């Protein structure tokens, strides 16, 4: 039995998901959603993301990122999700980095 890989989303890059084309750049103007093959489980520290296709486990240690990821499908694009979460332009880089890592690992996908 293999052990799931672990990635902390606070700047790290994940491997591309098998059978899913990685996103070389995260475009805020695209519509995004949590991958249907991914379960998001809230935890006191943030959340766990588990990809049932790749068996990859990721940790989100930022509660605001958790809220943004959970709300992506409710917005026309990622920009709207960030605005709704109250992310100002000075802080945007951190959140863009986290969302890019999630897209590259297949945890979130374009709608």
C-alpha atoms as a PDB file:
ATOM      1  CA  UNK A   1       0.000   0.000   0.000  1.00  0.00           C
ATOM      2  CA  UNK A   2       1.427   3.358  -0.952  1.00  0.00           C
ATOM      3  CA  UNK A   3       1.469   6.420   1.238  1.00  0.00           C
ATOM      4  CA  UNK A   4      -0.258   9.536  -0.131  1.00  0.00           C
ATOM      5  CA  UNK A   5       2.033  12.404  -0.980  1.00  0.00           C
ATOM      6  CA  UNK A   6       1.665  15.565   1.032  1.00  0.00           C
ATOM      7  CA  UNK A   7       1.882  19.124  -0.245  1.00  0.00           C
ATOM      8  CA  UNK A   8       1.509  22.260   1.822  1.00  0.00           C
ATOM      9  CA  UNK A   9      -0.039  25.045  -0.196  1.00  0.00           C
ATOM     10  CA  UNK A  10       1.886  28.073   0.922  1.00  0.00           C
ATOM     11  CA  UNK A  11       4.097  28.511  -2.118  1.00  0.00           C
ATOM     12  CA  UNK A  12       5.006  24.933  -3.034  1.00  0.00           C
ATOM     13  CA  UNK A  13       4.281  23.467  -6.438  1.00  0.00           C
ATOM     14  CA  UNK A  14       2.514  20.136  -6.870  1.00  0.00           C
ATOM     15  CA  UNK A  15       2.931  17.547  -9.580  1.00  0.00           C
ATOM     16  CA  UNK A  16       0.594  17.564 -12.539  1.00  0.00           C
ATOM     17  CA  UNK A  17      -2.430  15.365 -12.090  1.00  0.00           C
ATOM     18  CA  UNK A  18      -2.398  12.258 -14.266  1.00  0.00           C
ATOM     19  CA  UNK A  19      -4.832  12.613 -17.138  1.00  0.00           C
ATOM     20  CA  UNK A  20      -5.395  16.297 -16.442  1.00  0.00           C
ATOM     21  CA  UNK A  21      -3.473  18.964 -18.264  1.00  0.00           C
ATOM     22  CA  UNK A  22      -1.636  21.212 -15.783  1.00  0.00           C
ATOM     23  CA  UNK A  23      -2.310  24.932 -15.766  1.00  0.00           C
ATOM     24  CA  UNK A  24       0.934  26.725 -16.655  1.00  0.00           C
ATOM     25  CA  UNK A  25      -0.563  30.002 -15.434  1.00  0.00           C
ATOM     26  CA  UNK A  26      -3.500  30.693 -13.216  1.00  0.00           C
ATOM     27  CA  UNK A  27      -5.805  33.193 -14.900  1.00  0.00           C
ATOM     28  CA  UNK A  28      -7.955  35.169 -12.473  1.00  0.00           C
ATOM     29  CA  UNK A  29     -10.460  35.896 -15.230  1.00  0.00           C
ATOM     30  CA  UNK A  30     -11.212  32.207 -15.807  1.00  0.00           C
ATOM     31  CA  UNK A  31     -14.022  30.396 -14.000  1.00  0.00           C
ATOM     32  CA  UNK A  32     -12.619  27.832 -11.526  1.00  0.00           C
ATOM     33  CA  UNK A  33     -14.038  25.203  -9.210  1.00  0.00           C
ATOM     34  CA  UNK A  34     -12.919  22.523  -6.818  1.00  0.00           C
ATOM     35  CA  UNK A  35     -12.173  19.407  -8.862  1.00  0.00           C
ATOM     36  CA  UNK A  36     -15.147  17.003  -8.525  1.00  0.00           C
ATOM     37  CA  UNK A  37     -12.615  14.275  -7.652  1.00  0.00           C
ATOM     38  CA  UNK A  38     -11.405  16.305  -4.654  1.00  0.00           C
ATOM     39  CA  UNK A  39     -12.874  16.350  -1.161  1.00  0.00           C
ATOM     40  CA  UNK A  40     -12.320  19.419   1.005  1.00  0.00           C
ATOM     41  CA  UNK A  41     -12.456  18.730   4.739  1.00  0.00           C
ATOM     42  CA  UNK A  42     -12.337  21.766   7.034  1.00  0.00           C
ATOM     43  CA  UNK A  43      -9.954  21.481   9.977  1.00  0.00           C
ATOM     44  CA  UNK A  44      -9.052  23.886  12.814  1.00  0.00           C
ATOM     45  CA  UNK A  45      -5.783  24.767  11.024  1.00  0.00           C
ATOM     46  CA  UNK A  46      -7.438  25.258   7.598  1.00  0.00           C
ATOM     47  CA  UNK A  47      -8.435  22.254   5.508  1.00  0.00           C
ATOM     48  CA  UNK A  48      -7.390  18.950   4.010  1.00  0.00           C
ATOM     49  CA  UNK A  49      -7.818  18.344   0.300  1.00  0.00           C
ATOM     50  CA  UNK A  50      -7.862  14.746  -0.901  1.00  0.00           C
ATOM     51  CA  UNK A  51      -7.814  13.872  -4.612  1.00  0.00           C
ATOM     52  CA  UNK A  52      -9.515  10.503  -5.107  1.00  0.00           C
ATOM     53  CA  UNK A  53      -7.992  10.080  -8.580  1.00  0.00           C
ATOM     54  CA  UNK A  54      -4.355  10.589  -7.636  1.00  0.00           C
ATOM     55  CA  UNK A  55      -4.658   9.826  -3.897  1.00  0.00           C
ATOM     56  CA  UNK A  56      -2.814  13.075  -3.239  1.00  0.00           C
ATOM     57  CA  UNK A  57      -3.353  14.824   0.081  1.00  0.00           C
ATOM     58  CA  UNK A  58      -2.798  18.565   0.435  1.00  0.00           C
ATOM     59  CA  UNK A  59      -3.064  20.872   3.406  1.00  0.00           C
ATOM     60  CA  UNK A  60      -4.398  24.411   3.295  1.00  0.00           C
ATOM     61  CA  UNK A  61      -3.099  26.343   6.286  1.00  0.00           C
ATOM     62  CA  UNK A  62      -4.834  29.621   5.501  1.00  0.00           C
ATOM     63  CA  UNK A  63      -8.541  29.903   6.360  1.00  0.00           C
ATOM     64  CA  UNK A  64      -9.075  32.654   3.788  1.00  0.00           C
ATOM     65  CA  UNK A  65      -7.675  30.397   1.036  1.00  0.00           C
ATOM     66  CA  UNK A  66     -10.039  27.655   2.220  1.00  0.00           C
ATOM     67  CA  UNK A  67     -13.002  30.037   1.930  1.00  0.00           C
ATOM     68  CA  UNK A  68     -11.900  31.194  -1.534  1.00  0.00           C
ATOM     69  CA  UNK A  69     -11.444  27.633  -2.809  1.00  0.00           C
ATOM     70  CA  UNK A  70     -14.822  26.584  -1.404  1.00  0.00           C
ATOM     71  CA  UNK A  71     -16.519  29.573  -3.064  1.00  0.00           C
ATOM     72  CA  UNK A  72     -14.896  29.427  -6.523  1.00  0.00           C
ATOM     73  CA  UNK A  73     -17.905  27.728  -8.131  1.00  0.00           C
ATOM     74  CA  UNK A  74     -20.190  30.472  -6.796  1.00  0.00           C
ATOM     75  CA  UNK A  75     -18.404  33.209  -8.767  1.00  0.00           C
ATOM     76  CA  UNK A  76     -18.055  33.968 -12.474  1.00  0.00           C
ATOM     77  CA  UNK A  77     -14.256  33.939 -12.123  1.00  0.00           C
ATOM     78  CA  UNK A  78     -11.460  33.760  -9.574  1.00  0.00           C
ATOM     79  CA  UNK A  79     -11.143  37.558  -9.549  1.00  0.00           C
ATOM     80  CA  UNK A  80     -14.713  37.835  -8.241  1.00  0.00           C
ATOM     81  CA  UNK A  81     -13.987  35.223  -5.558  1.00  0.00           C
ATOM     82  CA  UNK A  82     -10.965  37.227  -4.365  1.00  0.00           C
ATOM     83  CA  UNK A  83     -12.930  40.492  -4.351  1.00  0.00           C
ATOM     84  CA  UNK A  84     -15.769  38.890  -2.379  1.00  0.00           C
ATOM     85  CA  UNK A  85     -13.218  37.591   0.153  1.00  0.00           C
ATOM     86  CA  UNK A  86     -11.930  41.146   0.586  1.00  0.00           C
ATOM     87  CA  UNK A  87      -8.447  40.486  -0.802  1.00  0.00           C
ATOM     88  CA  UNK A  88      -6.752  43.801  -1.525  1.00  0.00           C
ATOM     89  CA  UNK A  89      -4.274  44.231  -4.393  1.00  0.00           C
ATOM     90  CA  UNK A  90      -1.285  44.351  -2.016  1.00  0.00           C
ATOM     91  CA  UNK A  91      -2.141  40.874  -0.662  1.00  0.00           C
ATOM     92  CA  UNK A  92      -3.168  39.346  -3.964  1.00  0.00           C
ATOM     93  CA  UNK A  93       0.217  37.748  -4.741  1.00  0.00           C
ATOM     94  CA  UNK A  94       0.017  35.282  -1.854  1.00  0.00           C
ATOM     95  CA  UNK A  95      -3.459  34.127  -2.887  1.00  0.00           C
ATOM     96  CA  UNK A  96      -2.565  33.953  -6.572  1.00  0.00           C
ATOM     97  CA  UNK A  97       0.426  31.774  -5.661  1.00  0.00           C
ATOM     98  CA  UNK A  98      -1.752  29.416  -3.597  1.00  0.00           C
ATOM     99  CA  UNK A  99      -4.450  29.160  -6.293  1.00  0.00           C
ATOM    100  CA  UNK A 100      -1.813  28.563  -8.979  1.00  0.00           C
ATOM    101  CA  UNK A 101      -0.337  25.686  -6.934  1.00  0.00           C
ATOM    102  CA  UNK A 102      -3.819  24.196  -6.483  1.00  0.00           C
ATOM    103  CA  UNK A 103      -4.521  24.472 -10.215  1.00  0.00           C
ATOM    104  CA  UNK A 104      -1.177  22.900 -11.142  1.00  0.00           C
ATOM    105  CA  UNK A 105      -1.830  19.974  -8.801  1.00  0.00           C
ATOM    106  CA  UNK A 106      -5.338  19.441 -10.201  1.00  0.00           C
ATOM    107  CA  UNK A 107      -7.106  20.275  -6.934  1.00  0.00           C
ATOM    108  CA  UNK A 108      -9.018  23.073  -8.666  1.00  0.00           C
ATOM    109  CA  UNK A 109      -9.949  23.048 -12.343  1.00  0.00           C
ATOM    110  CA  UNK A 110     -11.352  25.444 -14.910  1.00  0.00           C
ATOM    111  CA  UNK A 111     -15.114  25.318 -15.374  1.00  0.00           C
END
